[in-house]
Protein backbone atom coordinates (compact mmCIF):
# COMPACT_ATOMS: atom_id res chain seq x y z
CA MET A 1 0.05 -0.06 0.00
CA ARG A 2 1.28 3.50 -0.96
CA SER A 3 0.05 6.45 1.18
CA PHE A 4 0.00 10.21 0.49
CA GLU A 5 -1.16 13.03 2.72
CA LEU A 6 -3.06 15.94 1.27
CA THR A 7 -4.33 19.32 2.35
CA ILE A 8 -7.09 20.50 0.09
CA ASP A 9 -7.84 24.21 0.07
CA LEU A 10 -11.68 25.07 -0.35
CA GLY A 11 -11.23 28.74 -0.21
CA GLY A 12 -13.93 30.55 -1.80
CA ARG A 13 -16.06 27.61 -2.12
CA LEU A 14 -18.07 27.71 1.09
CA PRO A 15 -20.02 30.45 2.92
CA VAL A 16 -17.74 30.37 5.89
CA PRO A 17 -15.14 33.13 6.96
CA GLY A 18 -11.48 32.35 7.30
CA PRO A 19 -9.47 29.31 5.89
CA ALA A 20 -11.22 26.15 4.76
CA THR A 21 -8.92 23.30 4.36
CA VAL A 22 -9.72 19.49 4.28
CA ALA A 23 -7.10 16.87 5.35
CA ALA A 24 -7.13 13.66 3.37
CA THR A 25 -4.92 10.43 3.10
CA LEU A 26 -4.72 8.57 -0.20
CA HIS A 27 -4.31 4.93 0.19
CA LEU A 28 -3.41 3.19 -3.15
CA PRO A 29 -2.74 -0.43 -4.22
CA ASP A 30 0.80 -1.25 -5.13
CA ARG A 31 -0.16 -1.44 -8.86
CA ASP A 32 -0.94 0.84 -11.77
CA SER A 33 -4.69 0.39 -11.78
CA VAL A 34 -7.51 0.32 -9.25
CA ASP A 35 -10.94 -1.33 -9.34
CA ALA A 36 -12.57 1.43 -7.42
CA VAL A 37 -12.10 4.68 -5.59
CA VAL A 38 -13.69 4.89 -2.09
CA PHE A 39 -14.09 8.06 -0.29
CA ALA A 40 -14.14 7.29 3.35
CA TYR A 41 -15.73 9.67 5.87
CA PRO A 42 -15.56 8.95 9.75
CA GLY A 43 -17.85 9.48 12.56
CA GLY A 44 -18.18 12.56 14.75
CA GLY A 45 -15.57 11.66 17.40
CA PHE A 46 -13.10 10.07 14.77
CA GLY A 47 -10.81 11.24 12.25
CA ARG A 48 -9.54 9.80 8.99
CA ARG A 49 -7.00 7.46 10.64
CA TYR A 50 -9.93 5.26 11.95
CA PHE A 51 -9.63 3.69 8.50
CA ASP A 52 -5.95 2.93 8.92
CA LEU A 53 -5.66 1.88 12.67
CA ARG A 54 -1.95 1.38 13.91
CA LEU A 55 -2.28 0.08 17.32
CA GLN A 56 0.62 -0.82 19.59
CA GLY A 57 0.73 -4.57 20.13
CA LEU A 58 -2.19 -5.32 17.92
CA SER A 59 -2.34 -5.92 13.99
CA GLY A 60 -4.88 -6.24 11.43
CA TYR A 61 -6.91 -3.14 12.19
CA SER A 62 -6.28 -1.27 8.86
CA GLN A 63 -9.24 -1.13 6.61
CA ALA A 64 -7.26 0.73 4.19
CA GLU A 65 -4.66 -2.19 3.90
CA HIS A 66 -7.38 -4.69 3.67
CA LEU A 67 -9.05 -2.90 0.68
CA THR A 68 -5.99 -1.89 -1.10
CA ALA A 69 -4.88 -5.48 -1.07
CA ARG A 70 -7.94 -6.09 -3.18
CA GLY A 71 -7.28 -3.35 -5.70
CA VAL A 72 -9.44 -0.65 -4.16
CA ALA A 73 -8.03 2.87 -3.59
CA LEU A 74 -9.32 4.35 -0.30
CA VAL A 75 -9.37 8.03 0.39
CA ALA A 76 -9.75 8.90 3.98
CA CYS A 77 -11.05 12.33 4.78
CA ASP A 78 -11.46 14.43 7.80
CA HIS A 79 -14.60 16.55 7.67
CA LEU A 80 -14.31 20.27 7.75
CA GLY A 81 -13.92 21.36 11.36
CA LEU A 82 -12.85 17.84 12.55
CA GLY A 83 -9.53 16.09 12.71
CA GLU A 84 -6.69 17.87 10.96
CA SER A 85 -9.19 19.85 8.63
CA SER A 86 -9.39 23.60 9.47
CA PRO A 87 -11.61 24.46 12.40
CA LEU A 88 -15.14 26.05 12.31
CA PRO A 89 -15.02 28.18 15.47
CA ASP A 90 -18.60 29.33 14.97
CA PRO A 91 -21.26 26.67 15.75
CA ALA A 92 -23.52 28.39 13.35
CA HIS A 93 -21.34 27.08 10.46
CA GLN A 94 -21.06 23.47 11.86
CA THR A 95 -24.14 22.30 10.08
CA ILE A 96 -25.01 19.26 8.06
CA GLU A 97 -25.26 21.48 4.96
CA VAL A 98 -21.83 23.02 5.32
CA LEU A 99 -19.81 19.89 6.06
CA ALA A 100 -21.66 17.90 3.29
CA ASP A 101 -20.99 20.73 0.83
CA ALA A 102 -17.26 20.92 2.05
CA ASN A 103 -16.86 17.19 1.38
CA ALA A 104 -18.46 17.50 -1.96
CA ALA A 105 -16.21 20.40 -2.84
CA ALA A 106 -13.27 18.50 -1.94
CA VAL A 107 -13.94 15.41 -4.10
CA PRO A 108 -12.83 16.73 -7.63
CA LEU A 109 -9.86 18.51 -5.97
CA ILE A 110 -8.63 15.40 -4.40
CA VAL A 111 -9.20 13.21 -7.61
CA ALA A 112 -7.06 15.97 -9.50
CA ALA A 113 -4.35 15.79 -6.78
CA LEU A 114 -4.27 12.10 -7.11
CA GLY A 115 -3.68 12.36 -10.88
CA ARG A 116 -0.74 14.66 -10.25
CA LEU A 117 0.87 12.47 -7.58
CA VAL A 118 0.54 9.18 -9.49
CA PRO A 119 -0.34 9.98 -13.15
CA GLU A 120 0.38 6.31 -14.06
CA VAL A 121 -2.66 5.11 -12.04
CA ARG A 122 -5.78 4.36 -14.08
CA LEU A 123 -8.87 5.29 -12.17
CA PRO A 124 -12.51 4.44 -12.79
CA ALA A 125 -14.56 7.18 -14.11
CA ALA A 126 -15.99 9.88 -11.66
CA GLY A 127 -19.69 9.15 -11.36
CA SER A 128 -19.46 5.43 -12.21
CA PRO A 129 -20.75 2.71 -9.78
CA ARG A 130 -16.95 2.07 -8.86
CA PHE A 131 -16.61 5.69 -7.68
CA VAL A 132 -17.92 5.05 -4.15
CA GLY A 133 -18.82 7.14 -1.11
CA LEU A 134 -18.50 5.38 2.25
CA GLY A 135 -19.62 7.04 5.51
CA HIS A 136 -19.50 5.58 9.16
CA SER A 137 -21.83 7.08 11.88
CA LEU A 138 -21.95 10.84 11.51
CA GLY A 139 -19.97 10.35 8.24
CA GLY A 140 -22.96 8.33 6.90
CA CYS A 141 -25.36 11.06 7.83
CA LEU A 142 -23.24 13.70 6.08
CA LEU A 143 -22.83 11.48 3.00
CA VAL A 144 -26.55 11.04 2.46
CA ALA A 145 -26.85 14.82 2.54
CA GLN A 146 -23.81 15.13 0.27
CA GLN A 147 -25.16 12.70 -2.33
CA ALA A 148 -28.62 14.21 -2.49
CA ARG A 149 -27.18 17.79 -2.79
CA HIS A 150 -24.31 17.15 -5.10
CA ALA A 151 -24.48 13.50 -6.63
CA SER A 152 -20.90 13.05 -5.79
CA PHE A 153 -20.67 9.24 -6.20
CA GLY A 154 -21.95 6.39 -8.40
CA ALA A 155 -22.63 4.15 -5.35
CA LEU A 156 -22.89 4.62 -1.65
CA MET A 157 -21.94 2.70 1.44
CA ILE A 158 -23.63 3.76 4.70
CA LEU A 159 -22.14 2.15 7.92
CA GLY A 160 -23.76 2.40 11.34
CA SER A 161 -26.01 5.32 10.45
CA SER A 162 -29.78 5.25 9.68
CA GLY A 163 -31.72 7.09 6.94
CA ARG A 164 -34.72 6.92 9.44
CA HIS A 165 -33.66 7.15 13.06
CA THR A 166 -29.99 6.77 14.46
CA ALA A 167 -30.48 5.84 18.12
CA PHE A 168 -28.57 3.96 20.84
CA PRO A 169 -29.99 0.46 21.65
CA ALA A 170 -31.07 -0.10 25.22
CA GLU A 171 -29.00 -2.79 27.22
CA THR A 172 -31.99 -4.29 28.88
CA GLY A 173 -35.64 -4.75 27.63
CA GLY A 174 -34.85 -3.93 24.02
CA GLY A 175 -35.92 -0.71 22.27
CA ILE A 176 -33.69 2.45 22.36
CA VAL A 177 -32.13 4.67 24.93
CA ASP A 178 -34.52 7.47 25.81
CA VAL A 179 -32.71 10.76 25.10
CA ASP A 180 -34.22 13.79 23.25
CA PHE A 181 -32.07 15.44 20.73
CA PRO A 182 -32.34 18.88 18.88
CA SER A 183 -33.89 18.58 15.54
CA ARG A 184 -32.25 19.89 12.37
CA GLY A 185 -32.44 23.49 12.13
CA GLN A 186 -32.58 24.10 15.92
CA ASP A 187 -29.59 25.70 17.67
CA PRO A 188 -27.90 22.69 19.49
CA LEU A 189 -26.47 25.18 22.04
CA LEU A 190 -29.90 26.39 22.99
CA ASN A 191 -31.55 22.98 22.54
CA PRO A 192 -29.00 20.47 23.92
CA PRO A 193 -29.84 16.69 24.36
CA SER A 194 -32.02 15.99 27.24
CA ARG A 195 -29.07 14.13 28.90
CA PRO A 196 -25.79 12.80 27.84
CA PHE A 197 -25.22 9.24 27.23
CA THR A 198 -23.75 7.35 30.21
CA ARG A 199 -20.35 5.67 29.98
CA ALA A 200 -22.21 2.28 30.31
CA GLU A 201 -24.52 3.06 27.48
CA LYS A 202 -21.52 4.02 25.39
CA ARG A 203 -19.55 0.93 26.36
CA TYR A 204 -22.53 -1.30 25.36
CA THR A 205 -23.15 0.42 22.06
CA TYR A 206 -19.84 1.27 20.76
CA TYR A 207 -17.56 -1.79 21.53
CA ALA A 208 -18.11 -5.46 20.71
CA ASP A 209 -17.44 -8.01 23.61
CA ASP A 210 -14.13 -8.98 21.80
CA VAL A 211 -12.62 -5.41 21.58
CA PRO A 212 -9.51 -5.37 23.74
CA ALA A 213 -10.28 -3.72 26.96
CA SER A 214 -7.23 -1.38 26.64
CA LEU A 215 -8.55 -0.05 23.31
CA ALA A 216 -12.14 0.41 24.46
CA GLU A 217 -11.10 2.11 27.69
CA VAL A 218 -8.87 4.47 25.97
CA ASP A 219 -11.54 5.46 23.54
CA LEU A 220 -13.97 5.97 26.34
CA ASP A 221 -11.57 7.95 28.47
CA ALA A 222 -10.96 10.22 25.53
CA ASN A 223 -14.70 10.82 25.09
CA ALA A 224 -15.12 12.25 28.58
CA PHE A 225 -13.26 13.09 31.82
CA ASN A 226 -12.50 10.04 33.83
CA PRO A 227 -12.97 9.92 37.63
CA GLY A 228 -9.27 10.74 38.21
CA GLY A 229 -9.71 14.09 36.50
CA SER A 230 -7.19 13.40 33.74
CA ARG A 231 -8.12 13.30 30.18
CA LEU A 232 -6.86 11.81 26.94
CA VAL A 233 -7.11 13.89 23.88
CA ARG A 234 -8.60 12.54 20.73
CA GLY A 235 -6.22 12.99 17.80
CA SER A 236 -3.19 12.74 20.13
CA ALA A 237 -0.67 10.08 19.85
CA GLU A 238 -2.53 8.05 22.44
CA VAL A 239 -5.80 8.35 20.39
CA PRO A 240 -4.62 8.82 16.83
CA TRP A 241 -7.97 7.62 15.45
CA GLY A 242 -9.89 10.33 17.16
CA SER A 243 -10.79 13.94 16.49
CA PRO A 244 -10.43 16.64 19.16
CA ASN A 245 -13.47 18.37 17.81
CA ARG A 246 -17.10 17.34 17.24
CA PRO A 247 -19.42 19.56 15.19
CA ALA A 248 -22.60 21.21 16.57
CA CYS A 249 -24.63 18.96 14.14
CA ALA A 250 -23.41 15.85 15.71
CA SER A 251 -26.02 16.33 18.44
CA THR A 252 -28.84 16.38 15.75
CA MET A 253 -27.92 13.20 14.04
CA CYS A 254 -29.91 11.13 16.54
CA SER A 255 -33.11 13.15 16.06
CA PRO A 256 -35.62 11.03 14.07
CA GLY A 257 -35.58 11.72 10.34
CA VAL A 258 -32.73 14.02 10.47
CA VAL A 259 -31.78 13.14 6.88
CA ALA A 260 -34.90 11.64 5.74
CA ALA A 261 -35.60 14.11 2.89
CA GLU A 262 -32.11 13.47 1.46
CA ALA A 263 -32.34 9.63 1.88
CA ALA A 264 -35.56 9.67 -0.19
CA ARG A 265 -33.62 11.13 -3.14
CA ILE A 266 -30.77 8.57 -3.28
CA ASP A 267 -31.00 6.68 -6.50
CA VAL A 268 -27.68 5.01 -6.75
CA PRO A 269 -26.54 1.39 -5.61
CA LEU A 270 -26.58 1.44 -1.81
CA PHE A 271 -24.91 -0.89 0.64
CA VAL A 272 -25.96 -0.67 4.34
CA GLY A 273 -23.45 -2.21 6.89
CA LEU A 274 -24.36 -2.69 10.51
CA GLY A 275 -23.03 -4.38 13.46
CA GLU A 276 -25.43 -6.76 15.49
CA ARG A 277 -25.43 -4.13 18.26
CA ASP A 278 -25.65 -0.73 16.39
CA VAL A 279 -27.34 2.50 16.25
CA VAL A 280 -29.95 1.77 13.72
CA ALA A 281 -33.31 1.55 15.49
CA GLU A 282 -35.21 -0.81 13.24
CA PRO A 283 -32.83 -2.31 10.69
CA LEU A 284 -35.50 -4.24 8.75
CA LEU A 285 -37.23 -0.89 7.82
CA GLU A 286 -34.14 0.77 6.66
CA LEU A 287 -34.93 0.11 2.93
CA THR A 288 -38.12 2.32 3.33
CA ALA A 289 -35.79 5.33 3.88
CA TYR A 290 -34.47 4.92 0.35
CA PRO A 291 -37.54 4.54 -1.97
CA LYS A 292 -35.64 5.33 -5.20
CA VAL A 293 -32.86 2.86 -4.60
CA SER A 294 -33.40 -0.44 -6.63
CA ASP A 295 -29.96 -1.95 -5.96
CA PHE A 296 -29.99 -2.34 -2.14
CA THR A 297 -27.80 -4.57 0.05
CA MET A 298 -27.83 -4.66 3.85
CA VAL A 299 -25.31 -6.73 5.81
CA THR A 300 -25.54 -7.17 9.58
CA VAL A 301 -22.42 -8.77 11.21
CA ALA A 302 -22.69 -10.93 14.26
CA GLY A 303 -20.67 -9.97 17.22
CA MET A 304 -19.94 -6.41 15.97
CA SER A 305 -20.93 -3.24 17.65
CA HIS A 306 -21.09 0.40 16.44
CA ILE A 307 -17.40 1.02 16.20
CA HIS A 308 -17.02 -1.67 13.42
CA ASN A 309 -13.15 -1.41 12.97
CA PHE A 310 -12.47 -2.18 16.59
CA ALA A 311 -14.53 -5.42 16.50
CA GLY A 312 -12.94 -8.94 16.09
CA SER A 313 -15.35 -9.52 13.08
CA ARG A 314 -14.19 -6.42 11.18
CA ALA A 315 -12.60 -8.32 8.52
CA VAL A 316 -15.99 -9.87 7.72
CA LEU A 317 -17.58 -6.57 7.03
CA TRP A 318 -14.42 -5.58 5.11
CA ASP A 319 -14.82 -8.52 2.87
CA ARG A 320 -18.42 -7.78 2.30
CA ILE A 321 -17.63 -4.34 1.36
CA ALA A 322 -14.77 -5.53 -1.14
CA GLY A 323 -17.20 -7.93 -2.70
CA TRP A 324 -19.89 -5.48 -3.06
CA ILE A 325 -17.54 -2.95 -4.74
CA SER A 326 -16.22 -5.71 -7.11
CA ALA A 327 -19.78 -6.32 -8.21
CA ARG A 328 -20.07 -2.72 -9.20
CA ARG A 329 -17.86 -3.31 -12.19
CA GLY A 330 -20.59 -4.39 -14.55
CA SER A 331 -23.80 -3.55 -12.27
CA THR A 332 -26.60 -1.26 -13.17
CA SER A 333 -29.40 -0.20 -10.96
CA ASP A 334 -31.94 -2.50 -12.33
CA GLY A 335 -32.29 -4.43 -9.07
CA SER A 336 -30.39 -7.55 -10.30
CA LEU A 337 -28.00 -7.31 -7.26
CA THR A 338 -30.66 -6.37 -4.85
CA SER A 339 -30.71 -8.65 -1.59
CA PRO A 340 -32.52 -8.80 1.55
CA ARG A 341 -30.93 -8.36 4.92
CA VAL A 342 -27.96 -10.74 5.26
CA ARG A 343 -26.57 -11.86 8.52
CA SER A 344 -22.93 -12.48 8.24
């Protein structure tokens, strides 16, 4: 795998003051052609290094290595205002629309940069089914908005995010955790969630039972102050997969129907990937959020929770992703590759 770091200047393309730059990492196969180009967008508390995890004493956690070994180029991006992209100090600019528009504006600039860096690499055509957007958690929410507003990709992969209602599962008694969130358009500072999620609720939802305790606890400690008063910083050397910032719109993504209008406009092949314990309230109804999609695949991976790339079964999901992307080579949206919910 070959990797290249990029900083993309979006100056003048967005209605935000000051600099607007997006950080991205290009992961390429060690060959002169690629089967697909996947733009990967992380969740709200995570940065682009979530897709290329390098963990001390642990191996096999890099989704980028897994996919590039199968001929797929992966472009991991930090959302504007998150990770190593430029900050958005004003919460009024930390909206679904601004972040989705920034991601869309960066796509052609990143493709052009890739062409300059490695001109010998042959890429699939932009807009083809092998030009794919992948979003996890908040990244999936923003990707749905991006695609509806800009049609950036020829196929989508939404992981751990719902077109209907993203919600935490209740540990006992079934159902979802009862927390009210601000709806889209409300000021999240004036309308905060009715209460924060507890550490136990996060532990149950985020991490599969086989996630190393050290990894889960470090991630949890970097989410909130621990009892000792010290704090790990997301995005630091101790938590390189994290983002030190979360946008204001992250608190709206768990409100019902937050991107329902955009989901109803998606008309490209769609893959929905979930853990067995994830934040999609009613998985079997997820197809109803995308009425214009005729090529729909849903995969639920046993033993996996919301932070997919930490789980012991992560390669199961990655293999399903690689297989679905491979099928895009000759697919159309005529429904021929449509499948019901699959449990892996």
